[in-house]
Structure formats: structure tokens, C-alpha cells
Amino acid sequence: MGKRSPLTGLPAMIRTSLLLLALALGVLGAPAPARAQAPGASADVGRVRVQYRPARPRPRIRVTPYPYSLYSTPYPKPYPYEYPGPGHVRQCTSWLAQEFRPSGTVIVPRMRCFWVPGVS
């Protein structure tokens, strides 16, 4: 028997698909036709000049701590300033308040504190 090509044993639909795929790759991979240049035209007309600007340095942003805090603490401060110093105590009032939520009415604890002159 004669030599058989590797595609002979494949079904007709697969052979057709492979053939169309090879044709499509051939058409897409073909280089574009060369264009003739008009007489007297300069050679660098088609070239685009690209001017690159040097990148600007990023703006520097200075972050400083709030002026009242001279030390760091893991706890949040209750007010934007520290305690008023010696001779003052913190007076707190607490109560239970109703909150109306979509799941129903609940009672939650509330507290309000302020500094008053006095000795602890």
C-alpha cells in the first residue's frame, strides 16, 4: 500500500476544521503589503516623534501627630484634649436607654462623662 498522510484517518469534520484553521492563521499572519512612496517625499514622514518628559517626583506629605498628644496609647482618647490636670476629677453618669431597631426594641447602656473641679 502507499503512504498515508496523518490526516487521512481523521473524520471529515475534524479535517475540515484543521484546514480552515490553517488558512485563517495564514491570512492573519501574512505581512501587510508594502506601499510605494511618492517621489520627493522624505523617508521619515511616516515616523512619529515621541518626546518623553522626565517623571515628576511624587509630592511629599508630612504627617504630624495631633499637638495635644505627647505620647502614644493603645486606648482611644475620650476628648480632643488630655485631662485638665490636678484638682479635677471625671464625673460620669450612666443609664439604660431604649433603642428601636428593625429586629425589635432593645435596652442598651449609655454613659456621659465630664471633668469637674474636685479631689478624687
N, C-alpha and C. Protein backbone atom coordinates (compact mmCIF):
# COMPACT_ATOMS: atom_id res chain seq x y z
N MET A 1 0.82 -1.19 0.00
CA MET A 1 0.00 0.00 0.00
C MET A 1 0.86 1.24 0.00
N GLY A 2 0.27 2.36 -0.42
CA GLY A 2 1.01 3.62 -0.50
C GLY A 2 1.06 4.31 0.86
N LYS A 3 1.83 5.35 0.90
CA LYS A 3 1.92 6.11 2.15
C LYS A 3 0.63 6.86 2.39
N ARG A 4 0.25 6.89 3.67
CA ARG A 4 -0.96 7.62 4.05
C ARG A 4 -0.56 8.87 4.84
N SER A 5 -1.29 9.95 4.60
CA SER A 5 -0.99 11.17 5.36
C SER A 5 -1.60 11.04 6.75
N PRO A 6 -1.09 11.78 7.71
CA PRO A 6 -1.64 11.68 9.07
C PRO A 6 -3.08 12.14 9.16
N LEU A 7 -3.58 12.95 8.22
CA LEU A 7 -4.95 13.44 8.29
C LEU A 7 -5.96 12.48 7.66
N THR A 8 -5.49 11.43 6.97
CA THR A 8 -6.41 10.54 6.27
C THR A 8 -7.30 9.78 7.23
N GLY A 9 -6.80 9.41 8.38
CA GLY A 9 -7.58 8.61 9.32
C GLY A 9 -8.55 9.43 10.16
N LEU A 10 -8.52 10.75 10.07
CA LEU A 10 -9.41 11.58 10.89
C LEU A 10 -10.76 11.74 10.21
N PRO A 11 -11.81 11.94 11.00
CA PRO A 11 -13.12 12.19 10.41
C PRO A 11 -13.11 13.46 9.58
N ALA A 12 -14.05 13.58 8.65
CA ALA A 12 -14.10 14.68 7.69
C ALA A 12 -14.29 16.03 8.39
N MET A 13 -15.08 16.09 9.44
CA MET A 13 -15.34 17.38 10.11
C MET A 13 -14.06 17.90 10.78
N ILE A 14 -13.28 17.03 11.38
CA ILE A 14 -12.04 17.46 12.03
C ILE A 14 -11.04 17.91 10.97
N ARG A 15 -10.95 17.18 9.86
CA ARG A 15 -10.04 17.58 8.79
C ARG A 15 -10.41 18.96 8.25
N THR A 16 -11.70 19.19 8.05
CA THR A 16 -12.16 20.48 7.54
C THR A 16 -11.83 21.60 8.52
N SER A 17 -12.04 21.35 9.81
CA SER A 17 -11.75 22.35 10.84
C SER A 17 -10.27 22.68 10.86
N LEU A 18 -9.41 21.67 10.77
CA LEU A 18 -7.97 21.91 10.77
C LEU A 18 -7.54 22.69 9.54
N LEU A 19 -8.13 22.38 8.40
CA LEU A 19 -7.81 23.08 7.17
C LEU A 19 -8.20 24.56 7.25
N LEU A 20 -9.42 24.83 7.77
CA LEU A 20 -9.86 26.22 7.92
C LEU A 20 -9.00 26.98 8.93
N LEU A 21 -8.60 26.31 9.99
CA LEU A 21 -7.74 26.94 10.99
C LEU A 21 -6.40 27.30 10.39
N ALA A 22 -5.82 26.41 9.59
CA ALA A 22 -4.54 26.69 8.94
C ALA A 22 -4.66 27.85 7.97
N LEU A 23 -5.76 27.92 7.22
CA LEU A 23 -5.96 29.04 6.30
C LEU A 23 -6.12 30.36 7.04
N ALA A 24 -6.87 30.34 8.14
CA ALA A 24 -7.09 31.57 8.92
C ALA A 24 -5.77 32.06 9.49
N LEU A 25 -4.95 31.16 10.02
CA LEU A 25 -3.65 31.57 10.57
C LEU A 25 -2.74 32.09 9.46
N GLY A 26 -2.83 31.54 8.29
CA GLY A 26 -2.03 32.01 7.18
C GLY A 26 -2.42 33.41 6.75
N VAL A 27 -3.72 33.70 6.74
CA VAL A 27 -4.20 35.02 6.33
C VAL A 27 -3.84 36.05 7.39
N LEU A 28 -4.06 35.72 8.68
CA LEU A 28 -3.79 36.67 9.75
C LEU A 28 -2.30 36.90 9.93
N GLY A 29 -1.49 35.89 9.66
CA GLY A 29 -0.06 36.02 9.87
C GLY A 29 0.67 36.63 8.70
N ALA A 30 0.00 36.84 7.60
CA ALA A 30 0.66 37.39 6.41
C ALA A 30 1.01 38.85 6.65
N PRO A 31 2.19 39.29 6.19
CA PRO A 31 2.57 40.69 6.38
C PRO A 31 1.74 41.60 5.48
N ALA A 32 1.58 42.84 5.90
CA ALA A 32 0.81 43.82 5.13
C ALA A 32 1.58 44.16 3.86
N PRO A 33 0.87 44.43 2.77
CA PRO A 33 1.57 44.76 1.52
C PRO A 33 2.32 46.08 1.66
N ALA A 34 3.47 46.15 1.02
CA ALA A 34 4.29 47.36 1.09
C ALA A 34 3.67 48.45 0.24
N ARG A 35 3.74 49.68 0.68
CA ARG A 35 3.18 50.81 -0.05
C ARG A 35 4.31 51.57 -0.72
N ALA A 36 4.07 52.03 -1.91
CA ALA A 36 5.07 52.80 -2.62
C ALA A 36 5.08 54.22 -2.08
N GLN A 37 6.24 54.81 -2.06
CA GLN A 37 6.37 56.16 -1.53
C GLN A 37 6.33 57.14 -2.70
N ALA A 38 5.65 58.24 -2.47
CA ALA A 38 5.55 59.25 -3.52
C ALA A 38 6.93 59.85 -3.78
N PRO A 39 7.23 60.16 -5.02
CA PRO A 39 8.54 60.74 -5.29
C PRO A 39 8.69 62.09 -4.60
N GLY A 40 9.85 62.32 -4.04
CA GLY A 40 10.14 63.59 -3.37
C GLY A 40 9.74 63.60 -1.90
N ALA A 41 9.06 62.56 -1.44
CA ALA A 41 8.67 62.55 -0.03
C ALA A 41 9.86 62.12 0.81
N SER A 42 9.97 62.69 1.96
CA SER A 42 11.11 62.34 2.80
C SER A 42 10.87 60.99 3.46
N ALA A 43 11.94 60.34 3.85
CA ALA A 43 11.85 58.98 4.38
C ALA A 43 11.28 58.95 5.80
N ASP A 44 11.41 60.03 6.55
CA ASP A 44 10.96 59.99 7.95
C ASP A 44 9.59 60.63 8.15
N VAL A 45 8.80 60.78 7.07
CA VAL A 45 7.46 61.36 7.21
C VAL A 45 6.57 60.43 8.02
N GLY A 46 6.68 59.15 7.80
CA GLY A 46 5.82 58.19 8.49
C GLY A 46 6.21 57.98 9.94
N ARG A 47 7.39 58.38 10.30
CA ARG A 47 7.82 58.17 11.68
C ARG A 47 7.21 59.22 12.59
N VAL A 48 6.84 58.79 13.76
CA VAL A 48 6.24 59.70 14.73
C VAL A 48 7.29 60.01 15.78
N ARG A 49 7.46 61.28 16.03
CA ARG A 49 8.41 61.65 17.07
C ARG A 49 7.70 61.63 18.42
N VAL A 50 8.30 60.96 19.35
CA VAL A 50 7.73 60.88 20.68
C VAL A 50 8.71 61.53 21.64
N GLN A 51 8.24 62.54 22.33
CA GLN A 51 9.09 63.20 23.31
C GLN A 51 8.65 62.76 24.69
N TYR A 52 9.58 62.26 25.45
CA TYR A 52 9.29 61.79 26.79
C TYR A 52 9.68 62.85 27.79
N ARG A 53 8.79 63.11 28.71
CA ARG A 53 9.09 64.03 29.79
C ARG A 53 9.62 63.23 30.97
N PRO A 54 10.56 63.79 31.69
CA PRO A 54 11.01 63.06 32.88
C PRO A 54 9.88 63.01 33.91
N ALA A 55 9.80 61.92 34.61
CA ALA A 55 8.73 61.74 35.60
C ALA A 55 8.91 62.73 36.75
N ARG A 56 7.80 63.31 37.17
CA ARG A 56 7.85 64.23 38.30
C ARG A 56 8.00 63.44 39.60
N PRO A 57 8.72 63.99 40.54
CA PRO A 57 8.77 63.31 41.84
C PRO A 57 7.42 63.43 42.54
N ARG A 58 7.07 62.41 43.29
CA ARG A 58 5.79 62.43 44.00
C ARG A 58 5.81 63.50 45.08
N PRO A 59 4.69 64.17 45.31
CA PRO A 59 4.67 65.20 46.35
C PRO A 59 4.84 64.58 47.74
N ARG A 60 5.58 65.26 48.55
CA ARG A 60 5.81 64.78 49.92
C ARG A 60 4.72 65.30 50.83
N ILE A 61 4.14 64.42 51.61
CA ILE A 61 3.10 64.80 52.55
C ILE A 61 3.63 64.53 53.95
N ARG A 62 3.67 65.56 54.75
CA ARG A 62 4.18 65.42 56.11
C ARG A 62 3.01 65.09 57.05
N VAL A 63 3.18 64.04 57.81
CA VAL A 63 2.16 63.64 58.76
C VAL A 63 2.71 63.87 60.15
N THR A 64 2.03 64.72 60.92
CA THR A 64 2.47 65.02 62.28
C THR A 64 1.36 64.63 63.24
N PRO A 65 1.72 64.21 64.43
CA PRO A 65 0.68 63.85 65.40
C PRO A 65 -0.07 65.09 65.87
N TYR A 66 -1.27 64.87 66.34
CA TYR A 66 -2.06 65.96 66.86
C TYR A 66 -1.30 66.61 68.01
N PRO A 67 -1.29 67.93 68.15
CA PRO A 67 -0.40 68.58 69.11
C PRO A 67 -0.67 68.24 70.57
N TYR A 68 -1.87 67.80 70.94
CA TYR A 68 -2.14 67.57 72.35
C TYR A 68 -1.54 66.28 72.86
N SER A 69 -1.22 65.34 71.99
CA SER A 69 -0.75 64.04 72.43
C SER A 69 0.77 63.99 72.40
N LEU A 70 1.37 63.90 73.57
CA LEU A 70 2.83 63.84 73.66
C LEU A 70 3.33 62.41 73.77
N TYR A 71 2.42 61.45 73.89
CA TYR A 71 2.80 60.04 73.99
C TYR A 71 1.71 59.22 73.31
N SER A 72 2.04 58.00 72.92
CA SER A 72 1.04 57.15 72.27
C SER A 72 0.39 56.23 73.30
N THR A 73 -0.83 55.86 73.03
CA THR A 73 -1.57 54.98 73.91
C THR A 73 -2.43 54.05 73.06
N PRO A 74 -2.62 52.82 73.50
CA PRO A 74 -3.45 51.91 72.72
C PRO A 74 -4.94 52.20 72.86
N TYR A 75 -5.32 53.08 73.78
CA TYR A 75 -6.73 53.36 74.03
C TYR A 75 -7.15 54.66 73.36
N PRO A 76 -8.38 54.74 72.88
CA PRO A 76 -8.83 56.00 72.28
C PRO A 76 -9.03 57.06 73.34
N LYS A 77 -8.80 58.30 72.96
CA LYS A 77 -8.97 59.39 73.90
C LYS A 77 -10.44 59.82 73.89
N PRO A 78 -11.03 60.09 75.06
CA PRO A 78 -12.44 60.45 75.10
C PRO A 78 -12.72 61.85 74.56
N TYR A 79 -11.72 62.74 74.60
CA TYR A 79 -11.90 64.11 74.15
C TYR A 79 -10.70 64.52 73.31
N PRO A 80 -10.78 65.61 72.59
CA PRO A 80 -9.63 66.03 71.79
C PRO A 80 -8.50 66.65 72.62
N TYR A 81 -8.57 66.57 73.96
CA TYR A 81 -7.50 67.08 74.81
C TYR A 81 -7.35 66.14 75.99
N GLU A 82 -6.22 66.24 76.67
CA GLU A 82 -5.95 65.38 77.82
C GLU A 82 -6.76 65.87 79.03
N TYR A 83 -6.65 65.14 80.13
CA TYR A 83 -7.38 65.55 81.33
C TYR A 83 -6.87 66.93 81.78
N PRO A 84 -7.71 67.69 82.45
CA PRO A 84 -7.34 69.08 82.74
C PRO A 84 -6.25 69.24 83.79
N GLY A 85 -5.77 68.19 84.39
CA GLY A 85 -4.66 68.30 85.34
C GLY A 85 -5.10 68.05 86.77
N PRO A 86 -4.20 68.33 87.70
CA PRO A 86 -4.53 68.07 89.11
C PRO A 86 -5.66 69.00 89.58
N GLY A 87 -6.44 68.49 90.52
CA GLY A 87 -7.54 69.29 91.06
C GLY A 87 -8.84 69.07 90.31
N HIS A 88 -8.89 68.14 89.37
CA HIS A 88 -10.12 67.84 88.64
C HIS A 88 -10.36 66.33 88.64
N VAL A 89 -11.62 65.96 88.64
CA VAL A 89 -11.98 64.55 88.56
C VAL A 89 -13.00 64.37 87.43
N ARG A 90 -13.10 63.15 86.99
CA ARG A 90 -14.04 62.85 85.92
C ARG A 90 -15.35 62.37 86.53
N GLN A 91 -16.42 63.05 86.21
CA GLN A 91 -17.74 62.71 86.75
C GLN A 91 -18.53 62.03 85.64
N CYS A 92 -18.98 60.80 85.88
CA CYS A 92 -19.71 60.05 84.86
C CYS A 92 -21.12 59.74 85.34
N THR A 93 -22.05 59.77 84.41
CA THR A 93 -23.43 59.40 84.66
C THR A 93 -23.79 58.32 83.66
N SER A 94 -24.38 57.22 84.14
CA SER A 94 -24.74 56.13 83.23
C SER A 94 -26.22 55.82 83.38
N TRP A 95 -26.84 55.29 82.33
CA TRP A 95 -28.25 54.95 82.34
C TRP A 95 -28.52 53.91 81.26
N LEU A 96 -29.71 53.34 81.30
CA LEU A 96 -30.15 52.40 80.27
C LEU A 96 -31.15 53.12 79.36
N ALA A 97 -31.00 52.95 78.05
CA ALA A 97 -31.87 53.63 77.10
C ALA A 97 -32.45 52.62 76.13
N GLN A 98 -33.66 52.91 75.65
CA GLN A 98 -34.30 52.05 74.65
C GLN A 98 -33.84 52.47 73.27
N GLU A 99 -33.57 51.46 72.43
CA GLU A 99 -33.28 51.71 71.01
C GLU A 99 -34.26 50.90 70.19
N PHE A 100 -34.85 51.55 69.22
CA PHE A 100 -35.81 50.87 68.36
C PHE A 100 -35.10 50.41 67.10
N ARG A 101 -34.91 49.10 66.98
CA ARG A 101 -34.20 48.51 65.85
C ARG A 101 -35.15 47.68 65.02
N PRO A 102 -34.76 47.36 63.79
CA PRO A 102 -35.64 46.53 62.94
C PRO A 102 -35.95 45.17 63.56
N SER A 103 -35.02 44.64 64.35
CA SER A 103 -35.27 43.34 64.97
C SER A 103 -36.16 43.45 66.20
N GLY A 104 -36.36 44.66 66.70
CA GLY A 104 -37.21 44.87 67.87
C GLY A 104 -36.57 45.88 68.81
N THR A 105 -37.28 46.24 69.84
CA THR A 105 -36.79 47.22 70.81
C THR A 105 -35.79 46.55 71.73
N VAL A 106 -34.65 47.21 71.96
CA VAL A 106 -33.62 46.68 72.86
C VAL A 106 -33.23 47.76 73.85
N ILE A 107 -32.70 47.34 74.99
CA ILE A 107 -32.21 48.27 76.01
C ILE A 107 -30.69 48.22 75.98
N VAL A 108 -30.06 49.39 75.84
CA VAL A 108 -28.60 49.46 75.74
C VAL A 108 -28.06 50.41 76.81
N PRO A 109 -26.84 50.14 77.30
CA PRO A 109 -26.26 51.05 78.29
C PRO A 109 -25.70 52.30 77.63
N ARG A 110 -25.82 53.44 78.30
CA ARG A 110 -25.27 54.71 77.82
C ARG A 110 -24.48 55.34 78.96
N MET A 111 -23.48 56.17 78.61
CA MET A 111 -22.67 56.84 79.62
C MET A 111 -22.24 58.20 79.08
N ARG A 112 -22.24 59.21 79.95
CA ARG A 112 -21.76 60.54 79.61
C ARG A 112 -20.84 60.99 80.75
N CYS A 113 -19.64 61.44 80.38
CA CYS A 113 -18.66 61.85 81.37
C CYS A 113 -18.18 63.28 81.09
N PHE A 114 -17.74 63.97 82.14
CA PHE A 114 -17.19 65.31 82.01
C PHE A 114 -16.28 65.57 83.20
N TRP A 115 -15.39 66.57 83.06
CA TRP A 115 -14.45 66.91 84.10
C TRP A 115 -15.02 67.99 85.00
N VAL A 116 -14.84 67.79 86.29
CA VAL A 116 -15.29 68.78 87.27
C VAL A 116 -14.15 69.05 88.24
N PRO A 117 -14.07 70.26 88.80
CA PRO A 117 -13.05 70.52 89.82
C PRO A 117 -13.37 69.73 91.08
N GLY A 118 -12.36 69.18 91.66
CA GLY A 118 -12.56 68.40 92.90
C GLY A 118 -11.38 67.49 93.13
N VAL A 119 -11.42 66.81 94.27
CA VAL A 119 -10.35 65.87 94.65
C VAL A 119 -10.94 64.48 94.64
N SER A 120 -10.20 63.53 94.08
CA SER A 120 -10.74 62.18 93.97
C SER A 120 -10.86 61.49 95.26
